[in-house]
């Protein structure tokens, strides 16, 4: 994941919506692509499937 870090936007505090770590979101997307599983089967460790999808 270290190679992708320069490509991700910087984390900024936001008002309203909670901030999600871009790395966790990217890992969740990669998990779905690797496994071919539907978004709803995304493990909780990657966050809510509605957030990652």
PDB file of N, CA and C in Angstrom:
ATOM      1  N   UNK A   1       0.823  -1.188   0.000  1.00  0.00           N
ATOM      2  CA  UNK A   1       0.000   0.000   0.000  1.00  0.00           C
ATOM      3  C   UNK A   1       0.863   1.245   0.000  1.00  0.00           C
ATOM      4  N   UNK A   2       2.111   1.120   0.358  1.00  0.00           N
ATOM      5  CA  UNK A   2       2.988   2.269   0.385  1.00  0.00           C
ATOM      6  C   UNK A   2       3.148   2.921  -0.982  1.00  0.00           C
ATOM      7  N   UNK A   3       3.070   2.127  -2.055  1.00  0.00           N
ATOM      8  CA  UNK A   3       3.222   2.672  -3.401  1.00  0.00           C
ATOM      9  C   UNK A   3       2.044   3.550  -3.792  1.00  0.00           C
ATOM     10  N   UNK A   4       0.868   3.291  -3.247  1.00  0.00           N
ATOM     11  CA  UNK A   4      -0.331   4.056  -3.607  1.00  0.00           C
ATOM     12  C   UNK A   4      -0.479   5.323  -2.774  1.00  0.00           C
ATOM     13  N   UNK A   5       0.217   5.416  -1.668  1.00  0.00           N
ATOM     14  CA  UNK A   5       0.038   6.555  -0.764  1.00  0.00           C
ATOM     15  C   UNK A   5       0.226   7.913  -1.449  1.00  0.00           C
ATOM     16  N   UNK A   6       1.243   8.096  -2.304  1.00  0.00           N
ATOM     17  CA  UNK A   6       1.388   9.402  -2.963  1.00  0.00           C
ATOM     18  C   UNK A   6       0.233   9.725  -3.917  1.00  0.00           C
ATOM     19  N   UNK A   7      -0.502   8.722  -4.347  1.00  0.00           N
ATOM     20  CA  UNK A   7      -1.601   8.934  -5.288  1.00  0.00           C
ATOM     21  C   UNK A   7      -2.903   9.321  -4.601  1.00  0.00           C
ATOM     22  N   UNK A   8      -3.000   9.080  -3.294  1.00  0.00           N
ATOM     23  CA  UNK A   8      -4.227   9.373  -2.563  1.00  0.00           C
ATOM     24  C   UNK A   8      -4.253  10.836  -2.140  1.00  0.00           C
ATOM     25  N   UNK A   9      -5.440  11.447  -2.147  1.00  0.00           N
ATOM     26  CA  UNK A   9      -5.517  12.840  -1.697  1.00  0.00           C
ATOM     27  C   UNK A   9      -5.226  12.932  -0.203  1.00  0.00           C
ATOM     28  N   UNK A  10      -4.724  14.072   0.252  1.00  0.00           N
ATOM     29  CA  UNK A  10      -4.446  14.217   1.686  1.00  0.00           C
ATOM     30  C   UNK A  10      -5.740  14.174   2.497  1.00  0.00           C
ATOM     31  N   UNK A  11      -5.641  13.598   3.691  1.00  0.00           N
ATOM     32  CA  UNK A  11      -6.791  13.556   4.598  1.00  0.00           C
ATOM     33  C   UNK A  11      -7.020  14.954   5.143  1.00  0.00           C
ATOM     34  N   UNK A  12      -8.235  15.448   5.037  1.00  0.00           N
ATOM     35  CA  UNK A  12      -8.575  16.766   5.564  1.00  0.00           C
ATOM     36  C   UNK A  12      -9.754  16.613   6.511  1.00  0.00           C
ATOM     37  N   UNK A  13      -9.731  17.324   7.616  1.00  0.00           N
ATOM     38  CA  UNK A  13     -10.915  17.289   8.479  1.00  0.00           C
ATOM     39  C   UNK A  13     -12.092  17.928   7.743  1.00  0.00           C
ATOM     40  N   UNK A  14     -13.246  17.288   7.840  1.00  0.00           N
ATOM     41  CA  UNK A  14     -14.436  17.798   7.166  1.00  0.00           C
ATOM     42  C   UNK A  14     -15.533  18.018   8.186  1.00  0.00           C
ATOM     43  N   UNK A  15     -16.444  18.878   7.836  1.00  0.00           N
ATOM     44  CA  UNK A  15     -17.596  19.130   8.688  1.00  0.00           C
ATOM     45  C   UNK A  15     -18.782  18.373   8.107  1.00  0.00           C
ATOM     46  N   UNK A  16     -19.579  17.793   8.954  1.00  0.00           N
ATOM     47  CA  UNK A  16     -20.767  17.072   8.488  1.00  0.00           C
ATOM     48  C   UNK A  16     -20.529  15.578   8.456  1.00  0.00           C
ATOM     49  N   UNK A  17     -19.964  15.091   7.367  1.00  0.00           N
ATOM     50  CA  UNK A  17     -19.742  13.655   7.216  1.00  0.00           C
ATOM     51  C   UNK A  17     -18.479  13.236   7.964  1.00  0.00           C
ATOM     52  N   UNK A  18     -18.485  12.049   8.578  1.00  0.00           N
ATOM     53  CA  UNK A  18     -17.265  11.581   9.234  1.00  0.00           C
ATOM     54  C   UNK A  18     -16.177  11.302   8.191  1.00  0.00           C
ATOM     55  N   UNK A  19     -14.931  11.505   8.584  1.00  0.00           N
ATOM     56  CA  UNK A  19     -13.803  11.277   7.686  1.00  0.00           C
ATOM     57  C   UNK A  19     -13.469   9.790   7.693  1.00  0.00           C
ATOM     58  N   UNK A  20     -13.245   9.231   6.502  1.00  0.00           N
ATOM     59  CA  UNK A  20     -12.858   7.828   6.365  1.00  0.00           C
ATOM     60  C   UNK A  20     -11.450   7.777   5.791  1.00  0.00           C
ATOM     61  N   UNK A  21     -10.659   6.874   6.318  1.00  0.00           N
ATOM     62  CA  UNK A  21      -9.280   6.731   5.864  1.00  0.00           C
ATOM     63  C   UNK A  21      -9.281   6.236   4.417  1.00  0.00           C
ATOM     64  N   UNK A  22      -8.641   6.989   3.533  1.00  0.00           N
ATOM     65  CA  UNK A  22      -8.607   6.618   2.123  1.00  0.00           C
ATOM     66  C   UNK A  22      -7.983   5.243   1.915  1.00  0.00           C
ATOM     67  N   UNK A  23      -7.017   4.896   2.752  1.00  0.00           N
ATOM     68  CA  UNK A  23      -6.356   3.601   2.619  1.00  0.00           C
ATOM     69  C   UNK A  23      -7.332   2.459   2.874  1.00  0.00           C
ATOM     70  N   UNK A  24      -8.198   2.600   3.890  1.00  0.00           N
ATOM     71  CA  UNK A  24      -9.187   1.560   4.177  1.00  0.00           C
ATOM     72  C   UNK A  24     -10.186   1.439   3.032  1.00  0.00           C
ATOM     73  N   UNK A  25     -10.588   2.565   2.470  1.00  0.00           N
ATOM     74  CA  UNK A  25     -11.534   2.536   1.356  1.00  0.00           C
ATOM     75  C   UNK A  25     -10.900   1.853   0.150  1.00  0.00           C
ATOM     76  N   UNK A  26      -9.657   2.199  -0.171  1.00  0.00           N
ATOM     77  CA  UNK A  26      -8.972   1.565  -1.296  1.00  0.00           C
ATOM     78  C   UNK A  26      -8.811   0.071  -1.057  1.00  0.00           C
ATOM     79  N   UNK A  27      -8.453  -0.327   0.159  1.00  0.00           N
ATOM     80  CA  UNK A  27      -8.330  -1.753   0.467  1.00  0.00           C
ATOM     81  C   UNK A  27      -9.664  -2.469   0.301  1.00  0.00           C
ATOM     82  N   UNK A  28     -10.763  -1.823   0.674  1.00  0.00           N
ATOM     83  CA  UNK A  28     -12.083  -2.418   0.488  1.00  0.00           C
ATOM     84  C   UNK A  28     -12.421  -2.600  -0.979  1.00  0.00           C
ATOM     85  N   UNK A  29     -12.115  -1.603  -1.788  1.00  0.00           N
ATOM     86  CA  UNK A  29     -12.351  -1.713  -3.232  1.00  0.00           C
ATOM     87  C   UNK A  29     -11.524  -2.854  -3.813  1.00  0.00           C
ATOM     88  N   UNK A  30     -10.267  -2.939  -3.418  1.00  0.00           N
ATOM     89  CA  UNK A  30      -9.406  -4.014  -3.912  1.00  0.00           C
ATOM     90  C   UNK A  30      -9.907  -5.380  -3.462  1.00  0.00           C
ATOM     91  N   UNK A  31     -10.455  -5.479  -2.249  1.00  0.00           N
ATOM     92  CA  UNK A  31     -10.999  -6.747  -1.761  1.00  0.00           C
ATOM     93  C   UNK A  31     -12.147  -7.209  -2.654  1.00  0.00           C
ATOM     94  N   UNK A  32     -13.053  -6.296  -2.986  1.00  0.00           N
ATOM     95  CA  UNK A  32     -14.191  -6.648  -3.844  1.00  0.00           C
ATOM     96  C   UNK A  32     -13.690  -7.076  -5.223  1.00  0.00           C
ATOM     97  N   UNK A  33     -12.728  -6.360  -5.769  1.00  0.00           N
ATOM     98  CA  UNK A  33     -12.198  -6.716  -7.086  1.00  0.00           C
ATOM     99  C   UNK A  33     -11.487  -8.065  -7.066  1.00  0.00           C
ATOM    100  N   UNK A  34     -10.730  -8.327  -5.991  1.00  0.00           N
ATOM    101  CA  UNK A  34      -9.988  -9.586  -5.875  1.00  0.00           C
ATOM    102  C   UNK A  34     -10.905 -10.784  -5.701  1.00  0.00           C
ATOM    103  N   UNK A  35     -11.933 -10.634  -4.872  1.00  0.00           N
ATOM    104  CA  UNK A  35     -12.784 -11.774  -4.533  1.00  0.00           C
ATOM    105  C   UNK A  35     -13.958 -11.948  -5.479  1.00  0.00           C
ATOM    106  N   UNK A  36     -14.372 -10.870  -6.146  1.00  0.00           N
ATOM    107  CA  UNK A  36     -15.556 -10.944  -7.000  1.00  0.00           C
ATOM    108  C   UNK A  36     -16.847 -10.968  -6.197  1.00  0.00           C
ATOM    109  N   UNK A  37     -16.754 -10.715  -4.901  1.00  0.00           N
ATOM    110  CA  UNK A  37     -17.932 -10.734  -4.027  1.00  0.00           C
ATOM    111  C   UNK A  37     -18.757  -9.465  -4.234  1.00  0.00           C
ATOM    112  N   UNK A  38     -20.052  -9.529  -3.931  1.00  0.00           N
ATOM    113  CA  UNK A  38     -20.866  -8.308  -4.005  1.00  0.00           C
ATOM    114  C   UNK A  38     -20.466  -7.328  -2.894  1.00  0.00           C
ATOM    115  N   UNK A  39     -20.749  -6.044  -3.134  1.00  0.00           N
ATOM    116  CA  UNK A  39     -20.395  -5.002  -2.174  1.00  0.00           C
ATOM    117  C   UNK A  39     -20.963  -5.286  -0.795  1.00  0.00           C
ATOM    118  N   UNK A  40     -22.165  -5.815  -0.732  1.00  0.00           N
ATOM    119  CA  UNK A  40     -22.810  -6.061   0.571  1.00  0.00           C
ATOM    120  C   UNK A  40     -22.061  -7.090   1.414  1.00  0.00           C
ATOM    121  N   UNK A  41     -21.194  -7.898   0.794  1.00  0.00           N
ATOM    122  CA  UNK A  41     -20.412  -8.896   1.527  1.00  0.00           C
ATOM    123  C   UNK A  41     -19.070  -8.354   2.014  1.00  0.00           C
ATOM    124  N   UNK A  42     -18.825  -7.075   1.812  1.00  0.00           N
ATOM    125  CA  UNK A  42     -17.563  -6.469   2.233  1.00  0.00           C
ATOM    126  C   UNK A  42     -17.398  -6.613   3.747  1.00  0.00           C
ATOM    127  N   UNK A  43     -16.268  -7.167   4.219  1.00  0.00           N
ATOM    128  CA  UNK A  43     -16.057  -7.292   5.663  1.00  0.00           C
ATOM    129  C   UNK A  43     -16.053  -5.920   6.346  1.00  0.00           C
ATOM    130  N   UNK A  44     -16.538  -5.885   7.561  1.00  0.00           N
ATOM    131  CA  UNK A  44     -16.638  -4.646   8.318  1.00  0.00           C
ATOM    132  C   UNK A  44     -15.316  -3.947   8.557  1.00  0.00           C
ATOM    133  N   UNK A  45     -14.210  -4.678   8.480  1.00  0.00           N
ATOM    134  CA  UNK A  45     -12.899  -4.059   8.719  1.00  0.00           C
ATOM    135  C   UNK A  45     -12.565  -2.981   7.682  1.00  0.00           C
ATOM    136  N   UNK A  46     -13.247  -3.004   6.538  1.00  0.00           N
ATOM    137  CA  UNK A  46     -13.020  -2.003   5.491  1.00  0.00           C
ATOM    138  C   UNK A  46     -13.996  -0.846   5.582  1.00  0.00           C
ATOM    139  N   UNK A  47     -14.927  -0.914   6.478  1.00  0.00           N
ATOM    140  CA  UNK A  47     -15.942   0.126   6.615  1.00  0.00           C
ATOM    141  C   UNK A  47     -17.260  -0.335   6.026  1.00  0.00           C
ATOM    142  N   UNK A  48     -18.223   0.534   6.069  1.00  0.00           N
ATOM    143  CA  UNK A  48     -19.551   0.233   5.546  1.00  0.00           C
ATOM    144  C   UNK A  48     -19.483   0.063   4.036  1.00  0.00           C
ATOM    145  N   UNK A  49     -20.191  -0.923   3.499  1.00  0.00           N
ATOM    146  CA  UNK A  49     -20.155  -1.129   2.048  1.00  0.00           C
ATOM    147  C   UNK A  49     -20.722   0.075   1.311  1.00  0.00           C
ATOM    148  N   UNK A  50     -21.654   0.810   1.941  1.00  0.00           N
ATOM    149  CA  UNK A  50     -22.218   1.994   1.289  1.00  0.00           C
ATOM    150  C   UNK A  50     -21.169   3.110   1.167  1.00  0.00           C
ATOM    151  N   UNK A  51     -20.241   3.154   2.105  1.00  0.00           N
ATOM    152  CA  UNK A  51     -19.192   4.168   2.067  1.00  0.00           C
ATOM    153  C   UNK A  51     -18.130   3.811   1.036  1.00  0.00           C
ATOM    154  N   UNK A  52     -17.751   2.556   0.989  1.00  0.00           N
ATOM    155  CA  UNK A  52     -16.669   2.117   0.110  1.00  0.00           C
ATOM    156  C   UNK A  52     -17.129   2.032  -1.338  1.00  0.00           C
ATOM    157  N   UNK A  53     -18.374   1.625  -1.560  1.00  0.00           N
ATOM    158  CA  UNK A  53     -18.865   1.402  -2.935  1.00  0.00           C
ATOM    159  C   UNK A  53     -18.953   2.657  -3.700  1.00  0.00           C
TER     160      UNK A  53
END
